N, C-alpha and C. Protein backbone atom coordinates (compact mmCIF):
# COMPACT_ATOMS: atom_id res chain seq x y z
N MET A 1 -17.39 96.10 69.58
CA MET A 1 -17.97 95.59 70.82
C MET A 1 -19.47 95.93 70.80
N ASP A 2 -20.32 94.93 70.97
CA ASP A 2 -21.75 95.22 70.95
C ASP A 2 -22.22 95.77 72.30
N ALA A 3 -23.46 96.20 72.34
CA ALA A 3 -24.00 96.86 73.54
C ALA A 3 -23.91 95.96 74.77
N GLN A 4 -24.22 94.67 74.61
CA GLN A 4 -24.19 93.75 75.76
C GLN A 4 -22.77 93.62 76.32
N GLU A 5 -21.78 93.55 75.42
CA GLU A 5 -20.39 93.47 75.89
C GLU A 5 -19.99 94.75 76.60
N ARG A 6 -20.39 95.90 76.04
CA ARG A 6 -20.05 97.19 76.67
C ARG A 6 -20.67 97.29 78.06
N ILE A 7 -21.93 96.88 78.16
CA ILE A 7 -22.63 96.93 79.45
C ILE A 7 -21.94 96.00 80.45
N ARG A 8 -21.63 94.78 80.01
CA ARG A 8 -20.96 93.82 80.90
C ARG A 8 -19.64 94.41 81.41
N LYS A 9 -18.89 95.05 80.51
CA LYS A 9 -17.60 95.65 80.88
C LYS A 9 -17.82 96.80 81.88
N GLN A 10 -18.80 97.66 81.60
CA GLN A 10 -19.08 98.79 82.51
C GLN A 10 -19.47 98.29 83.90
N VAL A 11 -20.35 97.31 83.93
CA VAL A 11 -20.84 96.77 85.22
C VAL A 11 -19.70 96.13 86.00
N SER A 12 -18.80 95.42 85.29
CA SER A 12 -17.72 94.73 86.00
C SER A 12 -16.60 95.68 86.43
N GLU A 13 -16.44 96.81 85.75
CA GLU A 13 -15.33 97.72 86.06
C GLU A 13 -15.66 98.78 87.11
N ASN A 14 -16.93 98.93 87.45
CA ASN A 14 -17.33 99.97 88.40
C ASN A 14 -18.01 99.35 89.61
N GLN A 15 -17.53 99.72 90.81
CA GLN A 15 -18.11 99.18 92.04
C GLN A 15 -19.58 99.57 92.17
N ILE A 16 -19.89 100.84 91.88
CA ILE A 16 -21.27 101.32 91.95
C ILE A 16 -21.55 102.05 90.65
N LEU A 17 -22.55 101.57 89.91
CA LEU A 17 -22.85 102.11 88.59
C LEU A 17 -24.35 102.32 88.45
N LEU A 18 -24.72 103.52 88.03
CA LEU A 18 -26.13 103.85 87.83
C LEU A 18 -26.36 104.15 86.36
N TYR A 19 -27.21 103.34 85.73
CA TYR A 19 -27.68 103.66 84.39
C TYR A 19 -28.88 104.58 84.58
N MET A 20 -28.83 105.75 83.95
CA MET A 20 -29.85 106.75 84.21
C MET A 20 -30.12 107.58 82.96
N LYS A 21 -31.17 108.37 83.02
CA LYS A 21 -31.47 109.33 81.96
C LYS A 21 -30.87 110.66 82.38
N GLY A 22 -29.87 111.11 81.61
CA GLY A 22 -29.17 112.33 81.95
C GLY A 22 -27.92 112.03 82.76
N THR A 23 -27.47 113.03 83.50
CA THR A 23 -26.26 112.90 84.33
C THR A 23 -26.61 113.23 85.77
N PRO A 24 -25.74 112.86 86.72
CA PRO A 24 -26.05 113.19 88.12
C PRO A 24 -26.30 114.69 88.33
N ARG A 25 -25.57 115.53 87.61
CA ARG A 25 -25.78 116.98 87.77
C ARG A 25 -27.04 117.46 87.06
N PHE A 26 -27.39 116.79 85.95
CA PHE A 26 -28.56 117.20 85.16
C PHE A 26 -29.41 115.99 84.79
N PRO A 27 -30.09 115.40 85.79
CA PRO A 27 -30.95 114.25 85.47
C PRO A 27 -32.09 114.67 84.56
N GLN A 28 -32.47 113.76 83.66
CA GLN A 28 -33.51 114.06 82.68
C GLN A 28 -34.84 113.40 82.99
N CYS A 29 -34.96 112.80 84.16
CA CYS A 29 -36.26 112.30 84.61
C CYS A 29 -36.27 112.27 86.13
N GLY A 30 -37.44 112.33 86.71
CA GLY A 30 -37.58 112.38 88.16
C GLY A 30 -37.02 111.15 88.85
N PHE A 31 -37.21 109.98 88.25
CA PHE A 31 -36.72 108.75 88.88
C PHE A 31 -35.19 108.72 88.89
N SER A 32 -34.58 109.19 87.81
CA SER A 32 -33.12 109.25 87.77
C SER A 32 -32.61 110.24 88.82
N GLY A 33 -33.28 111.38 88.92
CA GLY A 33 -32.89 112.39 89.90
C GLY A 33 -32.98 111.87 91.32
N LYS A 34 -34.07 111.15 91.62
CA LYS A 34 -34.25 110.60 92.97
C LYS A 34 -33.20 109.54 93.26
N SER A 35 -32.87 108.73 92.26
CA SER A 35 -31.85 107.68 92.44
C SER A 35 -30.50 108.30 92.79
N VAL A 36 -30.16 109.38 92.10
CA VAL A 36 -28.90 110.09 92.38
C VAL A 36 -28.93 110.62 93.82
N GLN A 37 -30.06 111.22 94.23
CA GLN A 37 -30.17 111.76 95.59
C GLN A 37 -30.00 110.66 96.63
N LEU A 38 -30.58 109.49 96.38
CA LEU A 38 -30.45 108.37 97.32
C LEU A 38 -29.00 107.94 97.45
N LEU A 39 -28.31 107.82 96.31
CA LEU A 39 -26.90 107.42 96.36
C LEU A 39 -26.07 108.47 97.07
N GLN A 40 -26.34 109.74 96.79
CA GLN A 40 -25.60 110.81 97.45
C GLN A 40 -25.86 110.81 98.95
N ALA A 41 -27.09 110.51 99.35
CA ALA A 41 -27.44 110.45 100.77
C ALA A 41 -26.68 109.33 101.48
N CYS A 42 -26.30 108.30 100.72
CA CYS A 42 -25.51 107.19 101.28
C CYS A 42 -24.02 107.48 101.22
N GLY A 43 -23.65 108.62 100.67
CA GLY A 43 -22.22 108.95 100.53
C GLY A 43 -21.53 108.14 99.45
N ALA A 44 -22.30 107.67 98.47
CA ALA A 44 -21.74 106.79 97.44
C ALA A 44 -20.84 107.55 96.48
N LYS A 45 -19.71 106.94 96.16
CA LYS A 45 -18.90 107.38 95.03
C LYS A 45 -19.31 106.46 93.89
N PHE A 46 -19.99 107.01 92.89
CA PHE A 46 -20.53 106.15 91.84
C PHE A 46 -20.30 106.74 90.46
N GLU A 47 -20.31 105.85 89.49
CA GLU A 47 -20.25 106.24 88.09
C GLU A 47 -21.66 106.14 87.53
N SER A 48 -21.89 106.87 86.44
CA SER A 48 -23.20 106.79 85.80
C SER A 48 -23.03 106.70 84.30
N VAL A 49 -24.04 106.13 83.66
CA VAL A 49 -24.10 106.04 82.21
C VAL A 49 -25.42 106.69 81.79
N ASP A 50 -25.33 107.67 80.91
CA ASP A 50 -26.51 108.37 80.39
C ASP A 50 -27.06 107.56 79.22
N VAL A 51 -28.19 106.87 79.46
CA VAL A 51 -28.75 106.02 78.40
C VAL A 51 -29.33 106.85 77.25
N LEU A 52 -29.65 108.12 77.51
CA LEU A 52 -30.17 108.97 76.44
C LEU A 52 -29.10 109.28 75.40
N ALA A 53 -27.83 109.21 75.81
CA ALA A 53 -26.72 109.51 74.90
C ALA A 53 -26.35 108.30 74.05
N ASP A 54 -26.89 107.13 74.37
CA ASP A 54 -26.52 105.91 73.66
C ASP A 54 -27.73 104.99 73.52
N PRO A 55 -28.47 105.11 72.40
CA PRO A 55 -29.68 104.30 72.21
C PRO A 55 -29.44 102.79 72.31
N GLU A 56 -28.25 102.32 71.88
CA GLU A 56 -27.96 100.88 71.97
C GLU A 56 -27.92 100.44 73.42
N VAL A 57 -27.29 101.24 74.27
CA VAL A 57 -27.22 100.90 75.70
C VAL A 57 -28.60 101.07 76.33
N ARG A 58 -29.35 102.07 75.90
CA ARG A 58 -30.69 102.30 76.45
C ARG A 58 -31.57 101.06 76.28
N GLU A 59 -31.51 100.44 75.10
CA GLU A 59 -32.28 99.20 74.88
C GLU A 59 -31.55 98.01 75.49
N GLY A 60 -30.23 97.99 75.33
CA GLY A 60 -29.44 96.84 75.77
C GLY A 60 -29.50 96.60 77.27
N ILE A 61 -29.55 97.67 78.06
CA ILE A 61 -29.55 97.51 79.51
C ILE A 61 -30.83 96.82 79.98
N LYS A 62 -31.92 97.04 79.27
CA LYS A 62 -33.19 96.39 79.63
C LYS A 62 -33.10 94.88 79.40
N GLN A 63 -32.41 94.49 78.32
CA GLN A 63 -32.21 93.06 78.05
C GLN A 63 -31.21 92.48 79.03
N PHE A 64 -30.15 93.23 79.30
CA PHE A 64 -29.08 92.76 80.18
C PHE A 64 -29.63 92.39 81.55
N SER A 65 -30.46 93.25 82.11
CA SER A 65 -30.97 93.06 83.47
C SER A 65 -32.32 92.34 83.51
N LYS A 66 -32.95 92.22 82.34
CA LYS A 66 -34.34 91.71 82.25
C LYS A 66 -35.25 92.61 83.10
N TRP A 67 -34.96 93.90 83.10
CA TRP A 67 -35.72 94.90 83.85
C TRP A 67 -36.14 95.98 82.86
N PRO A 68 -37.43 96.35 82.81
CA PRO A 68 -37.92 97.17 81.70
C PRO A 68 -37.65 98.67 81.78
N THR A 69 -37.17 99.14 82.90
CA THR A 69 -37.09 100.59 83.06
C THR A 69 -35.69 101.05 83.48
N VAL A 70 -35.45 102.33 83.31
CA VAL A 70 -34.23 103.02 83.74
C VAL A 70 -34.71 104.10 84.69
N PRO A 71 -34.03 104.37 85.81
CA PRO A 71 -32.67 103.99 86.16
C PRO A 71 -32.53 102.55 86.64
N GLN A 72 -31.27 102.08 86.57
CA GLN A 72 -30.90 100.77 87.08
C GLN A 72 -29.59 100.92 87.85
N LEU A 73 -29.56 100.34 89.05
CA LEU A 73 -28.38 100.42 89.89
C LEU A 73 -27.68 99.06 89.96
N TYR A 74 -26.36 99.10 89.80
CA TYR A 74 -25.51 97.91 89.96
C TYR A 74 -24.48 98.21 91.03
N ILE A 75 -24.33 97.28 91.96
CA ILE A 75 -23.30 97.39 92.99
C ILE A 75 -22.49 96.10 92.96
N LYS A 76 -21.18 96.25 92.78
CA LYS A 76 -20.26 95.10 92.70
C LYS A 76 -20.75 94.09 91.66
N GLY A 77 -21.22 94.59 90.53
CA GLY A 77 -21.63 93.70 89.44
C GLY A 77 -23.02 93.11 89.57
N GLN A 78 -23.69 93.37 90.69
CA GLN A 78 -25.03 92.82 90.91
C GLN A 78 -26.10 93.87 90.61
N PHE A 79 -27.13 93.45 89.89
CA PHE A 79 -28.26 94.34 89.63
C PHE A 79 -29.05 94.50 90.92
N ILE A 80 -29.21 95.74 91.39
CA ILE A 80 -29.93 96.01 92.63
C ILE A 80 -31.40 96.31 92.35
N GLY A 81 -31.65 97.19 91.37
CA GLY A 81 -33.02 97.52 91.02
C GLY A 81 -33.13 98.95 90.53
N GLY A 82 -34.37 99.39 90.40
CA GLY A 82 -34.65 100.75 89.96
C GLY A 82 -34.94 101.67 91.13
N CYS A 83 -35.52 102.80 90.84
CA CYS A 83 -35.74 103.85 91.84
C CYS A 83 -36.60 103.37 93.02
N ASP A 84 -37.71 102.67 92.73
CA ASP A 84 -38.60 102.23 93.82
C ASP A 84 -37.89 101.26 94.76
N ILE A 85 -37.14 100.32 94.19
CA ILE A 85 -36.41 99.35 95.01
C ILE A 85 -35.32 100.06 95.80
N MET A 86 -34.61 101.00 95.15
CA MET A 86 -33.58 101.77 95.86
C MET A 86 -34.20 102.52 97.04
N THR A 87 -35.38 103.10 96.85
CA THR A 87 -36.06 103.85 97.91
C THR A 87 -36.39 102.92 99.08
N GLU A 88 -36.95 101.74 98.76
CA GLU A 88 -37.28 100.77 99.81
C GLU A 88 -36.03 100.35 100.57
N LEU A 89 -34.96 100.04 99.84
CA LEU A 89 -33.71 99.61 100.48
C LEU A 89 -33.15 100.72 101.36
N TYR A 90 -33.23 101.95 100.88
CA TYR A 90 -32.72 103.09 101.64
C TYR A 90 -33.50 103.23 102.96
N GLN A 91 -34.83 103.12 102.87
CA GLN A 91 -35.66 103.27 104.07
C GLN A 91 -35.38 102.19 105.10
N LYS A 92 -34.93 101.02 104.64
CA LYS A 92 -34.60 99.91 105.56
C LYS A 92 -33.14 99.97 106.02
N GLY A 93 -32.35 100.89 105.45
CA GLY A 93 -30.94 100.96 105.79
C GLY A 93 -30.07 100.00 104.98
N GLU A 94 -30.69 99.27 104.06
CA GLU A 94 -29.96 98.28 103.27
C GLU A 94 -29.09 98.94 102.19
N LEU A 95 -29.59 99.99 101.56
CA LEU A 95 -28.83 100.65 100.50
C LEU A 95 -27.52 101.22 101.07
N GLN A 96 -27.62 101.81 102.25
CA GLN A 96 -26.43 102.35 102.90
C GLN A 96 -25.39 101.25 103.14
N ARG A 97 -25.86 100.08 103.56
CA ARG A 97 -24.97 98.94 103.83
C ARG A 97 -24.31 98.46 102.54
N LEU A 98 -25.11 98.35 101.48
CA LEU A 98 -24.57 97.91 100.18
C LEU A 98 -23.51 98.88 99.66
N VAL A 99 -23.81 100.18 99.78
CA VAL A 99 -22.87 101.21 99.32
C VAL A 99 -21.58 101.14 100.14
N ALA A 100 -21.72 101.04 101.45
CA ALA A 100 -20.54 101.00 102.31
C ALA A 100 -19.68 99.78 101.97
N GLY A 101 -20.32 98.65 101.72
CA GLY A 101 -19.59 97.43 101.38
C GLY A 101 -18.85 97.52 100.06
N ALA A 102 -19.33 98.34 99.16
CA ALA A 102 -18.71 98.48 97.84
C ALA A 102 -17.56 99.47 97.86
N GLN A 103 -17.45 100.26 98.93
CA GLN A 103 -16.43 101.30 98.97
C GLN A 103 -15.30 100.99 99.93
N ASP A 104 -15.30 99.77 100.44
CA ASP A 104 -14.21 99.37 101.37
C ASP A 104 -12.89 99.25 100.63
């Protein structure tokens, strides 16, 4: 299974999925850490993929989403955005709504 197929499978099998550097307990960059904090603030139950542990996924996710940076958030199979977009959505109350809708 190539990286694109693996990513497609991960995105489709998880209601809320964060591609990040490191893990939620040990993020390896500030943006990944902030993204985890935002999801936790929304009460999200989410899965994560450590792109540092898999170079194919690290490059592949950028092609998959046509987005150049990590972290990347997917909710119900839809690409939401990176840390800055998550922050904006959170401040507007939109991230909370998206998370709640994915956990029904």
